[in-house]
Structures are given as C-alpha cells and as structure tokens.
Protein backbone atom coordinates (compact mmCIF):
# COMPACT_ATOMS: atom_id res chain seq x y z
CA MET A 1 85.61 107.29 39.63
CA LYS A 2 82.31 107.83 41.45
CA LYS A 3 82.19 109.97 44.56
CA HIS A 4 81.62 107.01 46.89
CA PHE A 5 82.63 109.12 49.89
CA ARG A 6 79.18 110.73 49.72
CA ASN A 7 77.76 107.42 50.97
CA PHE A 8 79.52 107.88 54.31
CA LEU A 9 79.17 110.32 57.17
CA PRO A 10 81.72 113.15 57.07
CA GLY A 11 84.26 112.69 59.85
CA THR A 12 84.15 108.88 59.83
CA ALA A 13 87.13 106.71 58.92
CA ALA A 14 85.34 105.29 55.85
CA TYR A 15 84.60 108.83 54.60
CA VAL A 16 88.26 109.86 54.90
CA ILE A 17 89.46 106.71 53.10
CA ALA A 18 86.88 106.93 50.30
CA HIS A 19 87.56 110.67 49.84
CA ALA A 20 91.30 109.99 49.58
CA GLU A 21 90.70 107.28 46.94
CA TYR A 22 88.58 109.72 44.94
CA SER A 23 91.23 112.45 45.22
CA LEU A 24 94.02 110.08 44.12
CA SER A 25 91.95 108.93 41.14
CA ARG A 26 91.93 112.57 40.04
CA ARG A 27 95.69 112.87 40.65
CA ARG A 28 95.23 114.94 43.76
CA ASN A 29 96.62 114.36 47.23
CA PRO A 30 94.43 113.51 50.24
CA SER A 31 93.11 116.76 51.63
CA ILE A 32 90.94 116.27 54.71
CA PRO A 33 91.76 115.81 58.43
CA PHE A 34 90.61 113.00 60.70
CA ARG A 35 89.83 113.46 64.38
CA THR A 36 92.67 115.51 65.89
CA GLU A 37 95.12 114.83 63.04
CA LYS A 38 95.27 117.82 60.69
CA ASN A 39 97.97 116.52 58.33
CA PRO A 40 95.98 114.85 55.48
CA ILE A 41 98.56 112.09 54.86
CA LYS A 42 98.79 111.20 58.56
CA ALA A 43 95.00 111.56 58.85
CA LEU A 44 94.53 108.96 56.09
CA ALA A 45 96.93 106.55 57.84
CA LEU A 46 95.05 107.03 61.13
CA ALA A 47 91.68 106.46 59.43
CA GLN A 48 92.99 103.25 57.84
CA ALA A 49 94.25 102.05 61.23
CA VAL A 50 90.88 102.79 62.86
CA PHE A 51 88.86 101.27 60.02
CA GLY A 52 91.08 98.21 59.85
CA GLY A 53 91.90 98.40 56.14
CA SER A 54 93.30 100.56 53.39
CA SER A 55 90.06 100.61 51.39
CA TRP A 56 86.48 101.55 52.26
CA LYS A 57 85.30 98.46 50.37
CA VAL A 58 84.57 95.82 53.00
CA SER A 59 84.19 92.08 52.42
CA LEU A 60 81.17 90.96 54.45
CA VAL A 61 82.04 87.26 54.62
CA ASP A 62 85.18 85.15 54.99
CA THR A 63 84.94 81.36 55.14
CA SER A 64 88.44 81.18 56.65
CA HIS A 65 86.92 82.68 59.83
CA PRO A 66 83.82 80.58 60.64
CA VAL A 67 81.52 81.68 63.45
CA ASP A 68 81.10 79.62 66.60
CA TYR A 69 77.84 80.80 68.17
CA SER A 70 78.86 79.31 71.53
CA LYS A 71 81.82 81.69 71.84
CA ALA A 72 82.06 85.44 72.14
CA GLU A 73 84.22 85.60 69.03
CA ILE A 74 83.54 87.95 66.13
CA PRO A 75 84.94 87.44 62.61
CA PRO A 76 87.16 90.24 61.24
CA THR A 77 84.62 90.94 58.48
CA TYR A 78 81.90 91.77 61.03
CA LYS A 79 82.30 95.54 61.30
CA CYS A 80 80.29 98.63 60.41
CA GLY A 81 80.81 99.59 56.79
CA GLN A 82 80.09 103.21 57.67
CA CYS A 83 82.21 104.08 60.71
CA GLY A 84 84.28 100.91 61.14
CA ALA A 85 82.82 100.03 64.56
CA LYS A 86 83.74 96.50 65.67
CA ARG A 87 82.65 94.09 68.42
CA VAL A 88 79.04 95.35 68.39
CA LYS A 89 75.66 94.34 67.01
CA LEU A 90 75.29 95.12 63.33
CA TRP A 91 72.28 95.50 61.07
CA ARG A 92 71.94 94.87 57.32
CA GLU A 93 69.57 95.91 54.55
CA TYR A 94 66.43 93.78 54.24
CA GLN A 95 65.98 91.65 51.09
CA THR A 96 69.21 92.83 49.46
CA PHE A 97 71.76 90.68 47.64
CA LEU A 98 75.00 90.09 49.55
CA ASN A 99 77.20 91.95 47.06
CA HIS A 100 74.99 95.02 47.50
CA GLN A 101 74.82 94.79 51.29
CA THR A 102 76.22 97.27 53.80
CA LEU A 103 76.57 96.36 57.45
CA ARG A 104 75.86 99.21 59.85
CA CYS A 105 76.03 99.67 63.60
CA ALA A 106 72.98 101.00 65.42
CA HIS A 107 74.13 104.64 65.17
CA CYS A 108 74.84 104.50 61.44
CA ALA A 109 71.70 102.50 60.63
CA ALA A 110 69.60 105.02 62.57
CA ILE A 111 71.11 107.95 60.70
CA ASN A 112 70.69 106.20 57.35
CA GLN A 113 67.04 105.36 58.09
CA LYS A 114 66.28 108.55 60.04
CA LYS A 115 65.09 106.56 63.06
CA ASP A 116 65.30 107.29 66.78
CA ILE A 117 67.34 104.74 68.76
CA SER A 118 67.66 106.75 71.97
CA LYS A 119 65.72 104.01 73.83
CA ILE A 120 67.35 100.96 72.24
CA ASP A 121 68.14 98.31 74.86
CA ALA A 122 70.88 95.73 75.47
CA ASN A 123 69.03 93.18 73.31
CA GLY A 124 68.93 95.53 70.34
CA MET A 125 65.21 96.20 70.82
CA ARG A 126 63.65 99.66 70.52
CA PRO A 127 60.10 101.04 70.76
CA SER A 128 58.09 101.35 67.56
CA ARG A 129 54.45 101.92 66.63
CA GLY A 130 53.81 98.17 66.59
CA GLY A 131 55.64 97.50 69.85
CA LYS A 132 59.28 96.64 70.49
CA THR A 133 61.35 95.69 67.45
CA ASP A 134 64.93 94.79 66.63
CA GLN A 135 64.62 96.45 63.21
CA ILE A 136 65.88 99.93 62.43
CA GLY A 137 63.79 101.08 59.50
CA TRP A 138 64.58 98.67 56.65
CA TYR A 139 67.64 97.37 58.50
CA ILE A 140 67.41 93.98 60.21
CA PRO A 141 69.85 92.18 62.57
CA ALA A 142 72.91 90.95 60.66
CA VAL A 143 73.61 87.39 61.77
CA PRO A 144 76.33 85.58 59.80
CA THR A 145 76.00 81.86 59.09
CA GLU A 146 78.33 79.55 61.00
CA GLU A 147 80.33 79.03 57.81
CA ASN A 148 80.56 82.84 57.49
CA ASP A 149 79.64 82.61 53.81
CA SER A 150 76.39 84.59 53.99
CA TYR A 151 73.81 86.12 56.38
CA TRP A 152 70.63 84.54 57.65
CA GLY A 153 67.25 85.71 56.43
CA TYR A 154 65.28 87.61 59.06
CA THR A 155 62.90 84.72 59.89
CA SER A 156 65.47 81.95 59.36
CA VAL A 157 68.07 82.73 62.05
CA PRO A 158 68.65 79.68 64.29
CA GLN A 159 68.14 80.19 68.02
CA ASN A 160 71.85 79.99 68.88
CA GLY A 161 72.52 82.58 66.17
CA CYS A 162 69.94 84.90 67.75
CA GLU A 163 71.57 84.45 71.16
CA TRP A 164 75.04 85.16 69.69
CA TRP A 165 73.78 88.43 68.20
CA ARG A 166 71.91 89.52 71.36
CA LYS A 167 75.02 89.03 73.52
CA LEU A 168 76.98 91.53 71.45
CA PRO A 169 77.11 95.13 72.80
CA THR A 170 74.33 97.17 71.21
CA LEU A 171 76.23 100.44 70.88
CA PRO A 172 79.91 101.00 70.06
CA GLU A 173 82.20 101.86 72.94
CA ARG A 174 83.60 105.35 73.03
CA VAL A 175 87.22 105.00 71.98
CA VAL A 176 90.30 107.20 71.99
CA ILE A 177 93.56 107.00 70.06
CA TYR A 178 96.43 106.11 72.37
CA THR A 179 100.09 106.50 71.39
CA THR A 180 102.52 104.36 73.39
CA GLN A 181 105.10 106.05 75.58
CA CYS A 182 107.20 103.10 76.79
CA VAL A 183 106.75 100.33 74.22
CA LYS A 184 108.20 101.15 70.80
CA ASN A 185 108.29 99.36 67.47
CA LEU A 186 111.40 97.15 67.60
CA HIS A 187 112.13 97.71 63.92
CA THR A 188 111.45 101.43 63.47
CA GLY A 189 111.79 102.68 67.05
CA LYS A 190 108.52 104.60 66.65
CA SER A 191 105.55 104.57 69.00
CA PHE A 192 102.55 102.34 68.37
CA THR A 193 99.06 103.76 67.94
CA PHE A 194 96.04 101.89 69.29
CA GLU A 195 92.30 102.48 69.39
CA VAL A 196 91.43 101.96 73.08
CA PRO A 197 88.11 102.14 74.97
CA GLN A 198 87.85 105.49 76.73
CA GLN A 199 86.95 103.79 80.02
CA THR A 200 90.26 101.88 79.95
CA ILE A 201 92.25 105.09 79.52
CA GLU A 202 90.27 106.86 82.25
CA TYR A 203 90.96 104.00 84.69
CA PHE A 204 94.63 104.02 83.71
CA GLU A 205 94.86 107.78 84.35
CA MET A 206 93.17 107.30 87.73
CA GLN A 207 95.68 104.60 88.74
CA LYS A 208 98.56 106.71 87.46
CA GLY A 209 97.37 109.59 89.64
CA LEU A 210 97.37 107.31 92.70
CA VAL A 211 100.94 106.22 91.95
CA GLU A 212 102.14 109.78 91.44
CA THR A 213 100.68 110.88 94.80
CA GLY A 214 102.09 107.85 96.64
CA GLN A 215 98.66 106.38 97.43
CA ALA A 216 99.24 103.08 95.59
CA PRO A 217 102.85 101.93 96.08
CA MET A 218 101.82 98.35 95.24
CA LEU A 219 101.38 99.43 91.60
CA GLY A 220 105.07 100.27 91.31
CA SER A 221 106.32 103.21 89.30
CA VAL A 222 104.40 105.18 86.68
CA GLU A 223 106.67 103.69 84.02
CA LYS A 224 105.90 100.12 85.15
CA LEU A 225 102.17 100.80 85.25
CA THR A 226 102.26 102.44 81.82
CA THR A 227 104.19 99.50 80.36
CA ILE A 228 101.67 96.97 81.74
CA TYR A 229 98.78 98.88 80.16
CA GLU A 230 100.54 99.34 76.82
CA PHE A 231 101.29 95.66 76.44
CA SER A 232 97.60 94.92 77.06
CA PHE A 233 96.70 96.81 73.88
CA PHE A 234 98.48 94.34 71.57
CA PRO A 235 96.36 91.68 69.78
CA ALA A 236 98.54 88.86 71.18
CA TYR A 237 97.55 89.88 74.73
CA LYS A 238 94.10 88.31 74.30
CA GLU A 239 95.67 85.06 73.13
CA LEU A 240 97.88 84.93 76.22
CA LEU A 241 94.85 85.30 78.48
CA LYS A 242 93.58 81.97 77.14
CA ILE A 243 96.60 80.15 78.66
CA TRP A 244 95.96 78.42 81.98
CA THR A 245 98.37 76.34 84.07
CA SER A 246 100.05 74.35 81.28
CA ASN A 247 102.64 75.94 79.02
CA GLY A 248 100.89 77.57 76.07
CA PHE A 249 103.99 78.38 74.05
CA THR A 250 103.50 77.69 70.34
CA THR A 251 105.38 78.79 67.24
CA GLU A 252 102.21 80.45 65.94
CA LEU A 253 101.79 82.51 69.10
CA ILE A 254 105.42 83.65 69.37
CA VAL A 255 105.36 84.65 65.67
CA GLN A 256 102.23 86.73 66.32
CA ILE A 257 103.87 88.44 69.29
CA LEU A 258 107.06 89.21 67.37
CA ALA A 259 105.05 90.56 64.43
CA ASP A 260 103.00 92.71 66.82
CA PHE A 261 106.26 94.24 68.06
CA GLY A 262 107.34 95.11 64.53
CA VAL A 263 110.06 92.46 64.21
CA THR A 264 110.79 91.81 60.53
CA GLN A 265 110.15 88.37 59.05
CA PRO A 266 113.81 87.42 58.42
CA PHE A 267 114.65 88.27 62.03
CA ILE A 268 111.65 86.27 63.27
CA TYR A 269 112.97 83.21 61.43
CA LYS A 270 116.40 83.63 63.02
CA LEU A 271 114.91 83.97 66.50
CA LEU A 272 112.86 80.80 66.05
CA GLU A 273 116.08 78.93 65.26
CA ASP A 274 117.93 80.39 68.24
CA ASP A 275 117.78 77.85 71.10
CA LYS A 276 118.82 80.45 73.68
CA PHE A 277 115.98 82.81 72.71
CA ILE A 278 113.41 80.01 72.90
CA SER A 279 114.73 78.75 76.26
CA ASP A 280 114.64 82.30 77.67
CA VAL A 281 111.02 83.06 76.76
CA GLN A 282 109.24 79.67 76.73
CA PRO A 283 108.95 79.25 80.56
CA TRP A 284 106.91 82.48 80.77
CA PHE A 285 104.05 81.01 78.73
CA GLU A 286 102.34 79.17 81.58
CA GLY A 287 100.31 79.96 84.68
CA ILE A 288 98.68 83.06 83.17
CA THR A 289 95.10 81.97 84.03
CA CYS A 290 93.33 85.07 82.70
CA ASP A 291 95.58 87.33 84.80
CA GLY A 292 96.12 90.52 82.81
CA GLU A 293 99.28 91.51 84.64
CA ARG A 294 100.83 88.07 84.00
CA ALA A 295 99.93 88.28 80.31
CA SER A 296 101.57 91.73 80.10
CA ARG A 297 104.59 90.34 81.99
CA THR A 298 105.03 87.60 79.39
CA LEU A 299 104.88 90.12 76.57
CA LYS A 300 107.45 92.28 78.36
CA VAL A 301 109.83 89.32 78.73
CA VAL A 302 109.60 88.59 75.01
CA TYR A 303 109.94 92.30 74.17
CA ASP A 304 113.01 92.81 76.39
CA THR A 305 114.63 89.58 75.19
CA VAL A 306 114.28 90.56 71.53
CA LYS A 307 115.38 94.10 72.33
CA SER A 308 118.66 92.73 73.72
CA TYR A 309 119.58 91.75 70.16
CA PHE A 310 119.23 95.33 69.00
CA SER A 311 121.59 98.28 69.38
CA PRO A 312 121.59 101.92 68.18
CA THR A 313 124.31 101.09 65.62
CA GLY A 314 122.73 97.89 64.39
CA LYS A 315 125.88 95.95 65.36
CA SER A 316 124.02 93.34 67.39
CA GLU A 317 121.61 92.57 64.57
CA TRP A 318 124.46 92.30 62.09
CA GLU A 319 126.40 89.91 64.31
CA PHE A 320 123.27 87.83 64.91
CA PHE A 321 122.64 87.41 61.20
CA THR A 322 126.25 86.77 60.14
CA ASN A 323 127.47 84.61 63.00
CA PHE A 324 124.40 82.46 63.50
CA PRO A 325 125.13 78.98 62.05
C-alpha cells in the first residue's frame, strides 16, 4: 500500500487516518497521537470523529444531497480533504478530472501552493501581482453544481453559485474538542465528544463564571447551564431551531434525536410504538422559533423521558421489551 499519509500535513486528522491505514496494511497497530490524545487507538478514533469518516478517501459529490444556492446549507461532501475543515470556502485544483481532485480550505491550499493568504478577505480574495484574485496558486474556488454531481469550471459558475460560495466563511473557525459532563450516551453511559467552536466554549466558560460568583442568577445552576450548552452540540439541535409556532414533531426528527442520544435501533422502534412516550414528548415540538434555550429544552425532555425507561440493572428495558404488546 502506498504511503498516502505523506500527502497530508502531519498533525491533521487526515494524516492520522491515512497513517493508521498504512500501518494496518503492514500488520502494525496505529502509532501516532492526535492533538492532546496520546493513546494511538483513541487518537485514531478522535481523528475519525473530527474528519467525519473512517477513511481519508473523501467522495467529493453526492447527488442525494443537492445544493440549494439560496440557502446557507452545505453538503456533507463539501469539506477539506487535507484537514477535514467544514462549513468554509473550499478550493480545488484547476483543470483536473473529478476523480483526481482534492478539495482544500484556504490554509491547506496555501500550504500546498506555497502562497501567502495573510491578507485574504471575507470574499475569498487576496492580493496578487495582477491585482486581487480568488485563486490560490493553481487552486480555484470549488463551487458544486446544484445537483452536486460535479464542480463548475472557473468561468462557468452561475451568479447564484458565486454568491453561495462568497457567503461561506473564508477561514475555518478555531475549534476545540469538548467532552460532555451532564449528557451521556443512553446506551453506553459514556460521555459524548464534540468538535465545538472555541468562541462558543469561551462564552460558556464566561457565563459559568458569572453563575458561580452569583452575578447571573437568571441562568440557574452551573449544571443547568452546562446541560443547555451540551444539548446545543447535537446535530438535531439545528433541526429544532427551524420549528416555529406550529408543532414540528415528525417521525424522522424524533428518530434522529434518539439516534443522537445513542438509543439502539430496536429500542427506537419500541418507543415509536409507545403511545405514552409520543404523548409525553410531542407537545414540546412547537413554539421554538429559533430560540436556542427552547430547542435545548425540547432535547432535554426527550432525553429525560427516554432515560426513565433505563435503570442501572437493565430491569426497566427488559420489562419494556417483554411486556409491550
């Protein structure tokens, strides 16, 4: 197997994953750390969580996730193939076939092309000898087609595609790995690990400090504040924010929430058939209107309701499965 890890920057998630694949192909165990995790096995798992996949090989298109230029939505395939950065502008190699393409964020493209991007602006433009340009060496803006089956040629991008790309953040946010303290996996009992913007954690720590010193009693206890923040890190949280005054409860959404919490598929099916469970949680899926605290509250109601079926001995789960008609 080729040493593909040499194509990536040491210390990045893709490098750790590719290096582990190379080691395993030679019947060796993973051997390098990632970020603050020194244990190679745990480091690999953390790198896979950050990168969003178990392999460094990234599919650049996915027709099951078309792109709507009018919305600030980004397909799952739109991420840096070098460091795994998501939700940012990406660049691609000029005049290169799709199956040989690599998407790169501004940082990774600059390193690959040995270009200075210290003065790159919010529109992805940077100074060059010929004036301002959105190119980074031989890398050009990567704008997927609306069908998400390919990428537009540099001079062929439609205007709404250009605007979609320009609205994306130019540089990746600084992120930190956060391990939950209050919200645990309902199946394993272990903490969740999330990649969270550093600014979010800094604001959380500031609010926590105000609570601890008694300066913000309206925020409740530290435990309540922590729980609200932790629920906001789950993928389903963003879906709840889309709910306005009408009830937004759907089977698809509740399944996503339960899966986010680690509930196993057989148990999810049982809960969906349990009229009491549905009647307990369904009323909380309305009146959220982009309110983050209300969205977290709804997730907490679902979490606590499901948790009531669980016990340290597993007796509650057993009774639920055997006695349910």
